Amino acid sequence: MKVAYISNLPFADADFPLVREMQRQGIDVYFFIYVSIYSHRATLIDIPEVYKKQGIFPATVYEEFKAYEGYMDMSKVFVINSLHQSDFHPANIRTMLSLVRKIKKLGADVVNITWPPRRNKMLLYLLRKKLVFTLHDPFPHSAKNNREFEFCRKLAFKWIPKIILLNDAQTEKFCEVYKFPRNRLFHARLGKYDCINYLSEHLGSAEELPEQLRGQKYILFFGLIAPYKGVEYLLQAFKKMQQDYPDVKLLIAGSGKLYFDESLYKGNANVILMNRYIPLAQLAGLLKNALFTVCPYKDATQSGVVQTAFSMGTPIVASDVGNFAVAIEDGKSGVIVPPCDADALARAMAELVGHPERLEMFRKYIAGEWLEKNGWEEVAKQYLNCYEARV
């Protein structure tokens, strides 16, 4: 079977191990990744400057992709390189038409996309009969809840023959809300994000820990900072917890707008902000040294933060939203708390800080049972079952 797998940089931490496992299982997979002037730093890849030519090129035109030549076969990995911001720029439209022609020439049996086609990417509907859509979020979280995005989602649900849902906890609700036929819906899951282990082993930390954290105990929030992430509740909870544990620090690491009131952290020397993109190799060091990480989300369906943290053996405290209560086993790999409840979050954090033996128990479970049952072999088989199914 020949597969064209098309994705974006923000999903690379999930895509790379999946494509590698497909390669291992003998699936002839061609991997295409969008890189543009407005999206060239995310998850696994930190590209400082976009390649100065428009078009489709071997991914290794970027040094940053060459770092993964020891991880997977990069000979069939390509970048869809865009130098123009407007989706309707003639050059971007020509590049999409070139992609369609290239996939037709390859004779791909399946074209797997990971995002609903939008604007110039709607040209992928020229391959409509072969399309499979991997759906990370059955429902858009608040940061993506706009009319155009939802229109494109609904169009994808109508026109794309098969959908792979990565969130089985909300299957019934998804089918009910979108009137989606069950025979066109397939399930897969996310495995461990072992690229972070690969980079950690081969490159080491990109930088040392911030000076304020060296030799210190700290709690970590990482990832894009956005209103739906509930960072204000984390800051409120941390302030409450500090009364009993004044020696513990909180690191908030990630790019995005600091939307919350600065009075929540200004003047608190124990709150450290790294408000920028965090390269993956550095994130590995931050996770490795953290007591635990926190996902205080107000709404979500799931998050790659779970796979990233667990791949480094780091326990999680998370809100009971979306698929978190399935991905994080309460009392085994972390703690689940009610969303938007700073008191409950403070109690959970204090309990773990005050009982390091619980954290050690979580770490042993993650390093053993969780890692064992979250490999990619079964995930790749789930994809192949979808590809081969007739609907």
Protein backbone atom coordinates (compact mmCIF):
# COMPACT_ATOMS: atom_id res chain seq x y z
CA MET A 1 0.00 0.00 0.00
CA LYS A 2 1.19 3.50 -0.88
CA VAL A 3 0.24 6.35 1.45
CA ALA A 4 0.66 10.11 1.10
CA TYR A 5 0.60 11.53 4.64
CA ILE A 6 0.17 15.33 4.77
CA SER A 7 0.50 17.28 8.00
CA ASN A 8 1.63 20.45 9.76
CA LEU A 9 4.61 21.19 12.03
CA PRO A 10 2.46 21.45 15.21
CA PHE A 11 1.56 17.75 14.81
CA ALA A 12 5.11 16.58 14.05
CA ASP A 13 5.63 15.09 17.53
CA ALA A 14 2.74 12.69 16.84
CA ASP A 15 3.42 12.24 13.12
CA PHE A 16 7.11 11.32 13.20
CA PRO A 17 6.78 8.21 15.39
CA LEU A 18 3.67 7.12 13.47
CA VAL A 19 5.37 7.46 10.08
CA ARG A 20 8.46 5.69 11.41
CA GLU A 21 6.33 2.76 12.55
CA MET A 22 4.53 2.67 9.19
CA GLN A 23 7.93 2.49 7.52
CA ARG A 24 8.93 -0.34 9.86
CA GLN A 25 5.78 -2.27 8.97
CA GLY A 26 6.53 -2.01 5.26
CA ILE A 27 3.94 0.62 4.32
CA ASP A 28 5.21 2.77 1.44
CA VAL A 29 4.57 6.17 3.02
CA TYR A 30 5.43 9.59 1.60
CA PHE A 31 5.33 12.27 4.29
CA PHE A 32 4.61 15.91 3.34
CA ILE A 33 4.89 18.72 5.94
CA TYR A 34 3.82 22.35 5.54
CA VAL A 35 6.51 24.92 6.34
CA SER A 36 5.77 28.60 5.83
CA ILE A 37 6.90 32.06 6.87
CA TYR A 38 4.19 32.05 9.57
CA SER A 39 4.67 28.44 10.75
CA HIS A 40 8.26 27.24 11.02
CA ARG A 41 8.79 26.75 14.76
CA ALA A 42 6.66 24.11 16.46
CA THR A 43 7.03 20.88 18.46
CA LEU A 44 9.99 18.98 16.94
CA ILE A 45 11.27 21.56 14.47
CA ASP A 46 12.79 24.96 15.18
CA ILE A 47 13.60 26.57 11.82
CA PRO A 48 15.13 30.03 12.27
CA GLU A 49 14.79 31.04 8.61
CA VAL A 50 12.54 29.64 5.88
CA TYR A 51 14.21 28.17 2.77
CA LYS A 52 14.23 30.84 0.05
CA LYS A 53 12.41 28.86 -2.63
CA GLN A 54 8.70 28.16 -3.02
CA GLY A 55 7.62 24.61 -3.78
CA ILE A 56 7.96 20.99 -2.63
CA PHE A 57 11.45 19.85 -1.60
CA PRO A 58 13.16 17.02 0.30
CA ALA A 59 12.81 17.89 3.98
CA THR A 60 16.58 17.72 4.38
CA VAL A 61 16.94 21.10 2.63
CA TYR A 62 16.54 22.15 6.27
CA GLU A 63 19.33 21.22 8.68
CA GLU A 64 16.68 20.91 11.41
CA PHE A 65 15.15 17.87 9.67
CA LYS A 66 18.55 16.24 9.21
CA ALA A 67 18.67 15.78 12.99
CA TYR A 68 16.10 12.97 12.56
CA GLU A 69 18.01 10.96 9.93
CA GLY A 70 19.01 8.51 12.67
CA TYR A 71 15.43 8.29 13.92
CA MET A 72 13.55 7.49 10.69
CA ASP A 73 14.06 7.16 6.93
CA MET A 74 13.96 10.75 5.67
CA SER A 75 14.27 9.86 1.97
CA LYS A 76 10.48 10.13 1.46
CA VAL A 77 9.89 13.10 3.72
CA PHE A 78 9.17 16.42 1.98
CA VAL A 79 8.42 20.01 2.92
CA ILE A 80 5.69 22.04 1.24
CA ASN A 81 7.52 25.34 1.41
CA SER A 82 5.58 28.61 1.30
CA LEU A 83 7.09 32.10 1.16
CA HIS A 84 3.81 34.00 0.94
CA GLN A 85 1.45 34.70 3.83
CA SER A 86 -1.79 34.87 1.84
CA ASP A 87 -3.38 31.48 1.20
CA PHE A 88 -4.71 32.88 -2.07
CA HIS A 89 -1.35 34.06 -3.39
CA PRO A 90 -0.88 32.56 -6.88
CA ALA A 91 2.38 30.90 -5.80
CA ASN A 92 0.64 29.11 -2.91
CA ILE A 93 -2.13 27.93 -5.21
CA ARG A 94 0.42 26.66 -7.76
CA THR A 95 2.27 24.81 -4.97
CA MET A 96 -0.93 23.07 -3.87
CA LEU A 97 -1.68 22.07 -7.46
CA SER A 98 1.88 20.71 -7.69
CA LEU A 99 1.24 18.66 -4.55
CA VAL A 100 -1.95 17.20 -6.03
CA ARG A 101 -0.11 16.32 -9.26
CA LYS A 102 2.79 14.77 -7.34
CA ILE A 103 0.46 12.58 -5.28
CA LYS A 104 -1.38 11.46 -8.42
CA LYS A 105 1.94 10.65 -10.09
CA LEU A 106 3.01 8.62 -7.03
CA GLY A 107 -0.16 6.54 -7.41
CA ALA A 108 -1.02 6.83 -3.72
CA ASP A 109 -3.81 4.54 -2.54
CA VAL A 110 -4.55 6.76 0.48
CA VAL A 111 -4.08 10.47 1.17
CA ASN A 112 -4.09 10.99 4.95
CA ILE A 113 -4.50 14.60 6.14
CA THR A 114 -4.49 15.89 9.72
CA TRP A 115 -6.34 19.20 9.34
CA PRO A 116 -9.62 20.13 7.59
CA PRO A 117 -8.78 21.56 4.14
CA ARG A 118 -9.08 25.34 4.17
CA ARG A 119 -8.65 28.00 1.49
CA ASN A 120 -5.98 26.91 -1.03
CA LYS A 121 -5.71 23.53 0.69
CA MET A 122 -9.25 22.78 -0.51
CA LEU A 123 -7.53 21.76 -3.74
CA LEU A 124 -6.87 18.50 -1.91
CA TYR A 125 -10.52 17.70 -2.54
CA LEU A 126 -9.39 16.89 -6.09
CA LEU A 127 -8.16 13.70 -4.36
CA ARG A 128 -11.41 13.39 -2.43
CA LYS A 129 -12.06 9.67 -2.96
CA LYS A 130 -8.70 8.75 -1.46
CA LEU A 131 -8.80 11.11 1.52
CA VAL A 132 -8.63 10.02 5.15
CA PHE A 133 -8.84 12.70 7.85
CA THR A 134 -7.09 12.18 11.20
CA LEU A 135 -9.16 14.19 13.67
CA HIS A 136 -7.28 15.19 16.82
CA ASP A 137 -10.13 17.22 18.35
CA PRO A 138 -13.72 16.00 17.90
CA PHE A 139 -14.88 19.43 19.02
CA PRO A 140 -12.98 22.69 18.51
CA HIS A 141 -11.62 24.19 21.70
CA SER A 142 -12.30 27.86 22.37
CA ALA A 143 -9.12 29.09 20.67
CA LYS A 144 -10.28 27.58 17.35
CA ASN A 145 -13.99 28.22 17.67
CA ASN A 146 -14.75 30.46 14.68
CA ARG A 147 -17.20 30.23 11.80
CA GLU A 148 -14.71 29.60 9.02
CA PHE A 149 -12.89 26.84 10.90
CA GLU A 150 -16.13 25.10 11.86
CA PHE A 151 -17.43 25.40 8.27
CA CYS A 152 -14.25 23.71 7.00
CA ARG A 153 -14.61 20.96 9.63
CA LYS A 154 -18.21 20.24 8.66
CA LEU A 155 -17.29 20.20 4.97
CA ALA A 156 -14.51 17.71 5.72
CA PHE A 157 -16.92 15.51 7.67
CA LYS A 158 -19.28 15.52 4.69
CA TRP A 159 -16.83 15.08 1.84
CA ILE A 160 -14.00 12.94 3.22
CA PRO A 161 -14.90 9.22 3.08
CA LYS A 162 -13.15 8.10 6.30
CA ILE A 163 -12.20 9.80 9.55
CA ILE A 164 -9.77 8.51 12.18
CA LEU A 165 -10.76 9.88 15.58
CA LEU A 166 -8.05 10.13 18.23
CA ASN A 167 -10.48 10.56 21.11
CA ASP A 168 -12.74 7.55 21.72
CA ALA A 169 -14.13 9.04 24.94
CA GLN A 170 -16.29 11.45 22.92
CA THR A 171 -17.31 9.17 20.05
CA GLU A 172 -21.03 9.08 20.79
CA LYS A 173 -21.26 12.82 21.32
CA PHE A 174 -19.33 13.49 18.09
CA CYS A 175 -21.60 11.25 16.01
CA GLU A 176 -24.68 12.80 17.60
CA VAL A 177 -23.65 16.44 17.18
CA TYR A 178 -22.40 16.08 13.61
CA LYS A 179 -24.84 13.34 12.50
CA PHE A 180 -21.79 11.38 11.42
CA PRO A 181 -22.24 7.74 10.23
CA ARG A 182 -20.48 5.25 12.48
CA ASN A 183 -19.34 3.10 9.53
CA ARG A 184 -17.13 5.97 8.31
CA LEU A 185 -15.55 6.55 11.73
CA PHE A 186 -12.41 4.71 12.82
CA HIS A 187 -10.39 4.95 16.01
CA ALA A 188 -6.71 5.21 16.77
CA ARG A 189 -4.80 6.67 19.67
CA LEU A 190 -1.62 8.58 20.32
CA GLY A 191 1.47 6.66 21.37
CA LYS A 192 4.51 7.86 23.25
CA TYR A 193 6.24 10.91 21.77
CA ASP A 194 9.64 9.25 21.72
CA CYS A 195 11.23 11.91 19.51
CA ILE A 196 11.85 13.86 22.69
CA ASN A 197 13.82 10.92 24.08
CA TYR A 198 15.77 10.64 20.82
CA LEU A 199 16.75 14.32 20.86
CA SER A 200 17.55 14.22 24.56
CA GLU A 201 19.89 11.27 24.06
CA HIS A 202 21.57 12.51 20.87
CA LEU A 203 21.68 16.27 21.34
CA GLY A 204 21.37 16.78 25.09
CA SER A 205 19.66 19.87 26.50
CA ALA A 206 19.63 22.86 24.17
CA GLU A 207 20.37 25.05 27.19
CA GLU A 208 20.97 24.72 30.90
CA LEU A 209 18.08 25.24 33.30
CA PRO A 210 17.33 28.90 34.03
CA GLU A 211 19.57 30.11 36.82
CA GLN A 212 16.61 30.54 39.23
CA LEU A 213 15.79 26.82 38.89
CA ARG A 214 19.20 25.22 39.30
CA GLY A 215 19.13 22.95 42.29
CA GLN A 216 15.51 23.97 43.00
CA LYS A 217 12.22 22.09 43.20
CA TYR A 218 9.79 23.34 40.57
CA ILE A 219 6.41 22.65 38.97
CA LEU A 220 6.14 23.03 35.20
CA PHE A 221 3.51 24.35 32.81
CA PHE A 222 4.61 24.10 29.16
CA GLY A 223 3.09 24.67 25.75
CA LEU A 224 1.31 27.46 23.93
CA ILE A 225 -0.13 30.03 26.32
CA ALA A 226 -3.78 30.68 25.42
CA PRO A 227 -6.95 31.55 27.38
CA TYR A 228 -8.37 28.02 27.21
CA LYS A 229 -5.25 26.69 29.00
CA GLY A 230 -6.41 28.17 32.34
CA VAL A 231 -3.00 29.49 33.43
CA GLU A 232 -4.69 32.04 35.71
CA TYR A 233 -6.11 29.18 37.81
CA LEU A 234 -2.64 27.65 38.06
CA LEU A 235 -1.21 30.94 39.29
CA GLN A 236 -3.99 31.30 41.86
CA ALA A 237 -3.46 27.72 43.03
CA PHE A 238 0.30 28.15 43.24
CA LYS A 239 -0.10 31.24 45.43
CA LYS A 240 -2.28 29.23 47.82
CA MET A 241 0.20 26.32 47.82
CA GLN A 242 3.14 28.64 48.51
CA GLN A 243 1.87 29.27 52.01
CA ASP A 244 2.87 25.72 52.96
CA TYR A 245 5.75 25.18 50.50
CA PRO A 246 7.57 28.51 50.06
CA ASP A 247 10.67 26.85 48.62
CA VAL A 248 8.91 25.41 45.51
CA LYS A 249 8.95 27.37 42.25
CA LEU A 250 6.59 27.47 39.24
CA LEU A 251 7.93 27.63 35.69
CA ILE A 252 5.56 28.71 32.90
CA ALA A 253 7.30 27.93 29.61
CA GLY A 254 5.85 28.61 26.18
CA SER A 255 5.05 31.19 23.56
CA GLY A 256 1.76 33.05 23.37
CA LYS A 257 0.12 36.14 24.79
CA LEU A 258 0.14 36.56 28.57
CA TYR A 259 -3.61 37.10 28.69
CA PHE A 260 -3.96 36.88 32.48
CA ASP A 261 -3.67 39.69 35.03
CA GLU A 262 0.00 40.41 35.75
CA SER A 263 -0.82 40.89 39.44
CA LEU A 264 -1.03 37.07 39.61
CA TYR A 265 2.74 36.77 39.14
CA LYS A 266 4.37 40.22 39.39
CA GLY A 267 6.52 40.48 42.47
CA ASN A 268 6.52 36.72 43.10
CA ALA A 269 10.13 35.59 42.74
CA ASN A 270 9.01 31.95 42.74
CA VAL A 271 7.08 32.35 39.45
CA ILE A 272 9.41 32.17 36.45
CA LEU A 273 8.22 32.98 32.93
CA MET A 274 9.90 31.72 29.76
CA ASN A 275 7.47 33.36 27.33
CA ARG A 276 8.95 32.06 24.09
CA TYR A 277 9.13 28.98 21.91
CA ILE A 278 10.90 26.19 23.83
CA PRO A 279 13.07 23.93 21.61
CA LEU A 280 12.29 20.26 22.16
CA ALA A 281 15.76 19.34 23.39
CA GLN A 282 15.52 22.03 26.07
CA LEU A 283 11.98 20.98 26.97
CA ALA A 284 13.34 17.49 27.64
CA GLY A 285 15.60 18.93 30.32
CA LEU A 286 12.82 21.01 31.84
CA LEU A 287 10.55 17.96 32.08
CA LYS A 288 13.26 15.67 33.40
CA ASN A 289 14.01 17.98 36.32
CA ALA A 290 10.44 19.06 37.17
CA LEU A 291 8.52 17.60 40.10
CA PHE A 292 5.49 17.30 37.83
CA THR A 293 3.69 19.24 35.11
CA VAL A 294 0.23 20.85 35.26
CA CYS A 295 -2.53 21.13 32.64
CA PRO A 296 -5.09 23.48 34.24
CA TYR A 297 -7.19 23.66 31.04
CA LYS A 298 -10.64 25.24 31.08
CA ASP A 299 -11.70 23.33 27.97
CA ALA A 300 -10.03 20.91 25.60
CA THR A 301 -10.54 17.53 23.98
CA GLN A 302 -7.02 16.17 24.42
CA SER A 303 -3.44 17.38 24.36
CA GLY A 304 -0.08 16.16 23.15
CA VAL A 305 1.29 17.58 26.41
CA VAL A 306 0.31 14.27 28.03
CA GLN A 307 2.34 12.14 25.61
CA THR A 308 5.29 14.52 25.77
CA ALA A 309 5.41 14.63 29.57
CA PHE A 310 4.89 10.89 30.01
CA SER A 311 7.57 10.11 27.41
CA MET A 312 10.00 11.85 29.79
CA GLY A 313 8.51 10.05 32.80
CA THR A 314 6.94 13.20 34.28
CA PRO A 315 3.62 12.91 36.19
CA ILE A 316 0.74 15.30 35.44
CA VAL A 317 -1.94 17.16 37.36
CA ALA A 318 -4.74 18.00 34.92
CA SER A 319 -8.29 19.30 34.70
CA ASP A 320 -11.11 16.86 34.05
CA VAL A 321 -11.85 18.06 30.52
CA GLY A 322 -11.99 16.19 27.23
CA ASN A 323 -9.96 12.99 27.15
CA PHE A 324 -7.61 13.87 30.02
CA ALA A 325 -9.26 11.52 32.53
CA VAL A 326 -8.66 8.64 30.09
CA ALA A 327 -5.12 9.59 29.05
CA ILE A 328 -4.07 10.28 32.67
CA GLU A 329 -4.98 7.50 35.08
CA ASP A 330 -5.95 9.23 38.30
CA GLY A 331 -3.78 7.94 41.15
CA LYS A 332 -1.48 5.98 38.80
CA SER A 333 0.19 8.41 36.42
CA GLY A 334 -1.13 11.68 37.82
CA VAL A 335 -4.05 13.47 39.41
CA ILE A 336 -7.31 14.70 37.86
CA VAL A 337 -9.04 17.78 39.34
CA PRO A 338 -12.20 19.73 38.47
CA PRO A 339 -11.65 22.47 35.89
CA CYS A 340 -11.53 26.15 36.93
CA ASP A 341 -11.12 25.22 40.60
CA ALA A 342 -7.99 26.86 42.05
CA ASP A 343 -8.62 25.37 45.52
CA ALA A 344 -8.79 21.79 44.23
CA LEU A 345 -5.74 22.38 42.06
CA ALA A 346 -3.80 23.83 45.01
CA ARG A 347 -4.68 20.81 47.18
CA ALA A 348 -3.59 18.35 44.49
CA MET A 349 -0.29 20.15 43.91
CA ALA A 350 0.42 20.43 47.65
CA GLU A 351 -0.35 16.74 48.15
CA LEU A 352 2.27 15.76 45.55
CA VAL A 353 4.89 18.23 46.76
CA GLY A 354 4.40 17.00 50.32
CA HIS A 355 4.48 13.32 49.41
CA PRO A 356 7.43 12.67 47.06
CA GLU A 357 6.85 8.93 47.44
CA ARG A 358 3.61 9.36 45.45
CA LEU A 359 5.50 11.11 42.67
CA GLU A 360 8.04 8.29 42.63
CA MET A 361 5.21 5.74 42.41
CA PHE A 362 3.74 7.67 39.43
CA ARG A 363 7.13 7.80 37.72
CA LYS A 364 7.63 4.05 38.09
CA TYR A 365 4.19 3.36 36.64
CA ILE A 366 4.83 5.66 33.66
CA ALA A 367 8.28 4.19 32.99
CA GLY A 368 6.89 0.68 33.16
CA GLU A 369 3.27 -0.06 32.33
CA TRP A 370 2.42 3.20 30.54
CA LEU A 371 5.39 3.09 28.16
CA GLU A 372 4.83 -0.60 27.50
CA LYS A 373 1.23 -0.15 26.38
CA ASN A 374 1.76 3.09 24.46
CA GLY A 375 4.00 1.98 21.64
CA TRP A 376 3.14 2.73 18.00
CA GLU A 377 2.90 -0.78 16.57
CA GLU A 378 -0.80 -1.16 17.39
CA VAL A 379 -1.50 2.45 16.38
CA ALA A 380 -0.06 1.90 12.89
CA LYS A 381 -2.21 -1.24 12.56
CA GLN A 382 -5.29 0.84 13.47
CA TYR A 383 -4.44 3.24 10.65
CA LEU A 384 -3.90 0.39 8.22
CA ASN A 385 -7.27 -1.14 9.16
CA CYS A 386 -8.89 2.17 8.27
CA TYR A 387 -6.99 2.49 5.01
CA GLU A 388 -8.03 -1.00 3.89
CA ALA A 389 -11.68 -0.76 4.99
CA ARG A 390 -14.45 -0.32 2.47
CA VAL A 391 -17.22 2.14 3.30
